[in-house]
Structure formats: structure tokens, C-alpha cells
Amino acid sequence: MPEPRDITVLIVDDDPVVTAALHAQVNRVLGFRVVGIAHTGHAALAAARRFAPRLVLLDLHLPDLPGLEVAHRLRQPDQPPTDVIVISGHHELAAVRAAIQRGALYYLVKPTRAGILEQTLLRYAATAEQLAAGDRHAEQQEIDRIFRSLHLDEVARPKSISPATEQAVLDALSSVEEDVSARELADMIGISRATARRYLEHLAERGQVEGRPRYGPTGRPQHRYRAR
């Protein structure tokens, strides 16, 4: 029996393979429970009225309605209150801006790694918990902290980690089928071995990269990394 305080989730995407993957990923995150899946915009609106989910994971490309139109209608008075996180293959900044204007709390680009989705959901849950005491007054510092808590990169990335290099590491790992060592990654993107190891360990801590030792016939084990 699910806990009453589970955050209920509606997944909206026209691809059954994507919805099945998201369903499995979300249900593995403690405190979250998928209550519905919709493959069209109209089905999403109907499911939102039926299940009243706390959170909607919304694709922008749907066969009958634009995802942004669905996001807009989800915020109408006749719909139960819900939050929206967009998960889309669109990389254009115009799409990101439009999603924000329609009230999206966050924007994830497909294909979404399980570690990134989990971290985003956990930060959403932490923010929702902070907002639970709706009648309490908050100082500006606390309000700033609540808004920042939704954005993983702003909170979790140390100053020594460059967003551009971090993305280059992730792109390189995604481009190969096998796992790689820090030295191999360094050669792939033109950075030092020490820098490669620092980024790999940082990304492993965030759940975006999986690291494991590989034991050879002799000598110390070599750590190998792959994208989740």
C-alpha cells in the first residue's frame, strides 16, 4: 500500500517505450508513485482531472495538442492544481522559454538519464516539503533558497566544475558503448587525466555516471565509467 504522502505523477508522452521507461524510473524513486500515463494531449487533460496528480512529466510533441497548450490548460481553474516538468527532445532556447512561460518548473532534455531524473524529482520533493506550510511567512533568504533548490546545476555543481567541460564529458560517455577510464576520457576530449577523474567522480556523486572497478590479472583495479 503506497504511503499517503507519496507524490503522485502523471506521465505524458506519445511514445510507449518512453512512457514505460519513465514509469520504471519514477517508481524507483522513494516517495513518488505513477498514477497515470497518457499518450495524447486530450488524454492527459482527462487523466489530470481523474487522478489529480501532484506532478506531470510532459513531452512537448503530442499527436493532437502541442505540449505547451497542454501545460497552459493544466493551469486553468477547472483543472486540479498540478506542477509540470517538461521532458522533451527539443533543445531550442525558444522552447525552453515558452515552457517556463507556461509554468514549467524544470526542463529535461531527452534522452533523460535515470540519475538526472531521480535528482530532479528528489529536489522537487524537497522544495514541495519546504512549501508545505503555506500560511507561514518566509523571509527573502528562505524564498531564494526554495527557488534555487529546484535547479540542480546551481546548487550541486562546485565552482571548480565548468558546465561546458561537464557537458563534454557527458557527451563523450554517451557516444561510446563501452565504459572508459579517466585516461581514455582525457584523450577523447583533450583534458588532463586528473581533470577527467575529477569530473567523473563529481558526476558519479550526482548519479549521472556509473563507476566501477575492473580487476585485471595483476596490479591495482582500474576504475571504469559509463553514462547512466
Protein backbone atom coordinates (compact mmCIF):
# COMPACT_ATOMS: atom_id res chain seq x y z
CA MET A 1 0.00 0.00 0.00
CA PRO A 2 1.56 3.35 -1.04
CA GLU A 3 2.27 5.92 1.62
CA PRO A 4 -0.36 8.72 1.72
CA ARG A 5 2.33 11.34 1.30
CA ASP A 6 3.68 9.88 -1.94
CA ILE A 7 3.95 12.47 -4.71
CA THR A 8 1.64 11.28 -7.47
CA VAL A 9 2.88 11.56 -11.06
CA LEU A 10 1.21 11.61 -14.47
CA ILE A 11 3.47 10.78 -17.44
CA VAL A 12 2.53 12.30 -20.80
CA ASP A 13 4.38 11.19 -23.95
CA ASP A 14 3.23 9.76 -27.27
CA ASP A 15 5.95 7.08 -27.32
CA PRO A 16 5.02 3.94 -25.32
CA VAL A 17 8.69 2.99 -24.99
CA VAL A 18 9.45 6.35 -23.36
CA THR A 19 6.47 6.19 -21.00
CA ALA A 20 7.40 2.66 -19.94
CA ALA A 21 10.97 3.75 -19.18
CA LEU A 22 9.83 6.83 -17.27
CA HIS A 23 7.28 4.76 -15.37
CA ALA A 24 10.00 2.40 -14.16
CA GLN A 25 12.41 5.25 -13.34
CA VAL A 26 9.85 7.27 -11.36
CA ASN A 27 8.59 4.31 -9.35
CA ARG A 28 12.16 3.56 -8.28
CA VAL A 29 12.41 6.97 -6.57
CA LEU A 30 11.31 6.80 -2.96
CA GLY A 31 8.26 8.95 -2.29
CA PHE A 32 6.95 9.04 -5.87
CA ARG A 33 4.19 6.98 -7.48
CA VAL A 34 2.95 6.97 -11.07
CA VAL A 35 -0.85 7.15 -11.14
CA GLY A 36 -1.42 7.52 -14.87
CA ILE A 37 0.07 7.50 -18.37
CA ALA A 38 -1.29 9.47 -21.32
CA HIS A 39 -0.18 9.39 -24.95
CA THR A 40 -2.16 12.40 -26.22
CA GLY A 41 -2.91 15.90 -25.00
CA HIS A 42 -6.63 15.32 -24.52
CA ALA A 43 -5.95 12.08 -22.67
CA ALA A 44 -3.52 13.97 -20.43
CA LEU A 45 -6.15 16.57 -19.52
CA ALA A 46 -8.70 13.85 -18.80
CA ALA A 47 -6.19 11.91 -16.69
CA ALA A 48 -5.29 15.06 -14.77
CA ARG A 49 -8.95 15.60 -13.89
CA ARG A 50 -9.37 11.95 -12.92
CA PHE A 51 -6.21 11.38 -10.88
CA ALA A 52 -5.36 14.94 -9.73
CA PRO A 53 -1.59 14.23 -9.88
CA ARG A 54 0.80 16.38 -7.91
CA LEU A 55 3.30 16.39 -10.79
CA VAL A 56 3.06 15.98 -14.56
CA LEU A 57 6.06 14.88 -16.66
CA LEU A 58 5.15 16.37 -20.03
CA ASP A 59 6.50 15.88 -23.54
CA LEU A 60 6.15 18.85 -25.90
CA HIS A 61 5.43 16.79 -29.02
CA LEU A 62 1.98 15.17 -28.87
CA PRO A 63 -0.21 13.98 -31.76
CA ASP A 64 -3.29 16.10 -31.06
CA LEU A 65 -2.27 19.13 -28.98
CA PRO A 66 1.06 20.91 -28.55
CA GLY A 67 2.59 20.10 -25.20
CA LEU A 68 2.73 23.80 -24.36
CA GLU A 69 -1.02 24.03 -24.91
CA VAL A 70 -1.49 21.11 -22.53
CA ALA A 71 0.70 22.87 -19.95
CA HIS A 72 -1.42 26.01 -20.35
CA ARG A 73 -4.71 24.12 -19.95
CA LEU A 74 -3.41 22.27 -16.90
CA ARG A 75 -3.23 25.62 -15.14
CA GLN A 76 -6.85 26.56 -15.81
CA PRO A 77 -9.33 26.86 -12.90
CA ASP A 78 -11.25 23.75 -14.00
CA GLN A 79 -8.13 21.57 -13.60
CA PRO A 80 -6.78 20.31 -10.24
CA PRO A 81 -3.60 22.16 -9.21
CA THR A 82 -0.51 20.41 -10.51
CA ASP A 83 3.14 21.12 -11.23
CA VAL A 84 4.79 20.43 -14.60
CA ILE A 85 8.28 19.27 -15.52
CA VAL A 86 8.90 19.16 -19.27
CA ILE A 87 10.80 16.22 -20.75
CA SER A 88 11.42 16.92 -24.43
CA GLY A 89 13.72 16.27 -27.34
CA HIS A 90 13.60 19.98 -28.27
CA HIS A 91 16.86 21.77 -27.47
CA GLU A 92 15.87 25.23 -28.72
CA LEU A 93 16.02 28.02 -26.16
CA ALA A 94 12.72 29.32 -27.55
CA ALA A 95 11.07 26.06 -26.46
CA VAL A 96 12.65 26.33 -23.02
CA ARG A 97 11.49 29.93 -22.65
CA ALA A 98 7.97 29.05 -23.78
CA ALA A 99 7.82 26.15 -21.32
CA ILE A 100 8.85 28.44 -18.47
CA GLN A 101 6.21 30.96 -19.54
CA ARG A 102 3.60 28.17 -19.38
CA GLY A 103 4.62 27.43 -15.80
CA ALA A 104 7.06 24.52 -16.19
CA LEU A 105 9.24 24.15 -13.10
CA TYR A 106 12.07 22.40 -14.91
CA TYR A 107 13.09 21.25 -18.39
CA LEU A 108 14.85 17.95 -19.06
CA VAL A 109 16.20 17.03 -22.50
CA LYS A 110 15.69 13.55 -23.93
CA PRO A 111 17.12 11.03 -23.63
CA THR A 112 16.84 11.59 -19.89
CA ARG A 113 19.34 9.68 -17.77
CA ALA A 114 17.85 7.94 -14.75
CA GLY A 115 20.27 9.68 -12.40
CA ILE A 116 19.30 13.15 -13.63
CA LEU A 117 15.58 12.40 -13.38
CA GLU A 118 15.98 11.00 -9.88
CA GLN A 119 17.94 14.04 -8.70
CA THR A 120 15.35 16.38 -10.22
CA LEU A 121 12.47 14.53 -8.56
CA LEU A 122 14.19 14.50 -5.18
CA ARG A 123 14.85 18.23 -5.39
CA TYR A 124 11.24 18.78 -6.37
CA ALA A 125 10.15 16.75 -3.33
CA ALA A 126 12.43 18.77 -1.05
CA THR A 127 11.02 22.01 -2.43
CA ALA A 128 7.45 20.78 -2.05
CA GLU A 129 8.17 19.92 1.57
CA GLN A 130 9.52 23.40 2.22
CA LEU A 131 6.33 24.88 0.75
CA ALA A 132 4.00 22.63 2.74
CA ALA A 133 3.47 25.23 5.47
CA GLY A 134 1.59 27.53 3.13
CA ASP A 135 0.38 30.04 5.74
CA ARG A 136 3.78 30.65 7.32
CA HIS A 137 5.65 33.84 6.45
CA ALA A 138 9.07 33.45 4.84
CA GLU A 139 12.00 35.83 4.66
CA GLN A 140 13.58 36.68 1.30
CA GLN A 141 16.62 34.49 2.04
CA GLU A 142 14.41 31.44 2.55
CA ILE A 143 12.42 32.23 -0.61
CA ASP A 144 15.66 32.48 -2.60
CA ARG A 145 16.77 29.10 -1.22
CA ILE A 146 13.48 27.49 -2.22
CA PHE A 147 13.76 28.73 -5.79
CA ARG A 148 17.40 27.65 -6.06
CA SER A 149 16.62 24.19 -4.72
CA LEU A 150 14.75 23.34 -7.93
CA HIS A 151 17.84 23.83 -10.07
CA LEU A 152 20.34 21.03 -9.68
CA ASP A 153 23.19 22.71 -11.53
CA GLU A 154 23.08 25.90 -9.48
CA VAL A 155 23.11 24.01 -6.18
CA ALA A 156 25.20 20.91 -6.74
CA ARG A 157 28.00 21.99 -9.12
CA PRO A 158 31.17 23.12 -7.32
CA LYS A 159 32.91 26.24 -8.60
CA SER A 160 35.78 24.09 -9.88
CA ILE A 161 33.41 22.31 -12.29
CA SER A 162 32.85 24.02 -15.63
CA PRO A 163 29.39 23.43 -17.18
CA ALA A 164 30.96 23.27 -20.67
CA THR A 165 33.54 20.65 -19.67
CA GLU A 166 30.91 18.74 -17.71
CA GLN A 167 28.73 18.55 -20.82
CA ALA A 168 31.71 17.50 -22.94
CA VAL A 169 32.36 14.63 -20.53
CA LEU A 170 28.71 13.54 -20.65
CA ASP A 171 28.64 13.76 -24.46
CA ALA A 172 31.80 11.70 -24.74
CA LEU A 173 30.47 8.99 -22.42
CA SER A 174 27.18 8.89 -24.34
CA SER A 175 29.00 8.45 -27.65
CA VAL A 176 30.63 5.14 -26.69
CA GLU A 177 29.02 1.81 -25.88
CA GLU A 178 31.70 0.56 -23.51
CA ASP A 179 32.89 2.03 -20.23
CA VAL A 180 36.04 4.17 -20.24
CA SER A 181 38.87 5.03 -17.88
CA ALA A 182 39.82 8.55 -16.83
CA ARG A 183 42.86 8.38 -19.14
CA GLU A 184 40.76 7.28 -22.13
CA LEU A 185 38.24 10.05 -21.49
CA ALA A 186 41.05 12.60 -21.17
CA ASP A 187 42.36 11.60 -24.59
CA MET A 188 38.86 11.77 -26.10
CA ILE A 189 38.16 15.39 -25.15
CA GLY A 190 41.64 16.85 -24.67
CA ILE A 191 41.89 17.36 -20.91
CA SER A 192 44.32 16.06 -18.30
CA ARG A 193 43.81 12.71 -16.64
CA ALA A 194 43.44 14.39 -13.23
CA THR A 195 40.76 16.73 -14.59
CA ALA A 196 38.92 13.83 -16.22
CA ARG A 197 38.93 11.90 -12.94
CA ARG A 198 37.64 14.94 -11.02
CA TYR A 199 34.71 15.37 -13.40
CA LEU A 200 33.94 11.66 -13.45
CA GLU A 201 33.87 11.45 -9.67
CA HIS A 202 31.69 14.57 -9.47
CA LEU A 203 29.21 13.16 -11.99
CA ALA A 204 29.20 9.79 -10.23
CA GLU A 205 28.26 11.51 -6.97
CA ARG A 206 25.33 13.17 -8.75
CA GLY A 207 24.15 9.88 -10.18
CA GLN A 208 24.81 10.80 -13.82
CA VAL A 209 27.75 8.46 -14.26
CA GLU A 210 28.26 4.90 -13.06
CA GLY A 211 31.74 3.99 -11.89
CA ARG A 212 33.04 0.54 -11.06
CA PRO A 213 36.48 -1.07 -10.61
CA ARG A 214 37.75 -3.57 -13.16
CA TYR A 215 40.19 -6.11 -11.78
CA GLY A 216 42.96 -7.32 -14.06
CA PRO A 217 45.22 -10.35 -13.60
CA THR A 218 47.71 -8.32 -11.56
CA GLY A 219 48.09 -4.89 -10.04
CA ARG A 220 45.56 -2.36 -8.78
CA PRO A 221 41.98 -2.32 -10.16
CA GLN A 222 41.21 0.25 -12.84
CA HIS A 223 38.13 2.39 -12.36
CA ARG A 224 35.86 2.46 -15.40
CA TYR A 225 32.96 4.83 -16.03
CA ARG A 226 29.88 4.91 -18.22
CA ALA A 227 26.82 7.17 -18.58
CA ARG A 228 23.70 6.02 -16.81
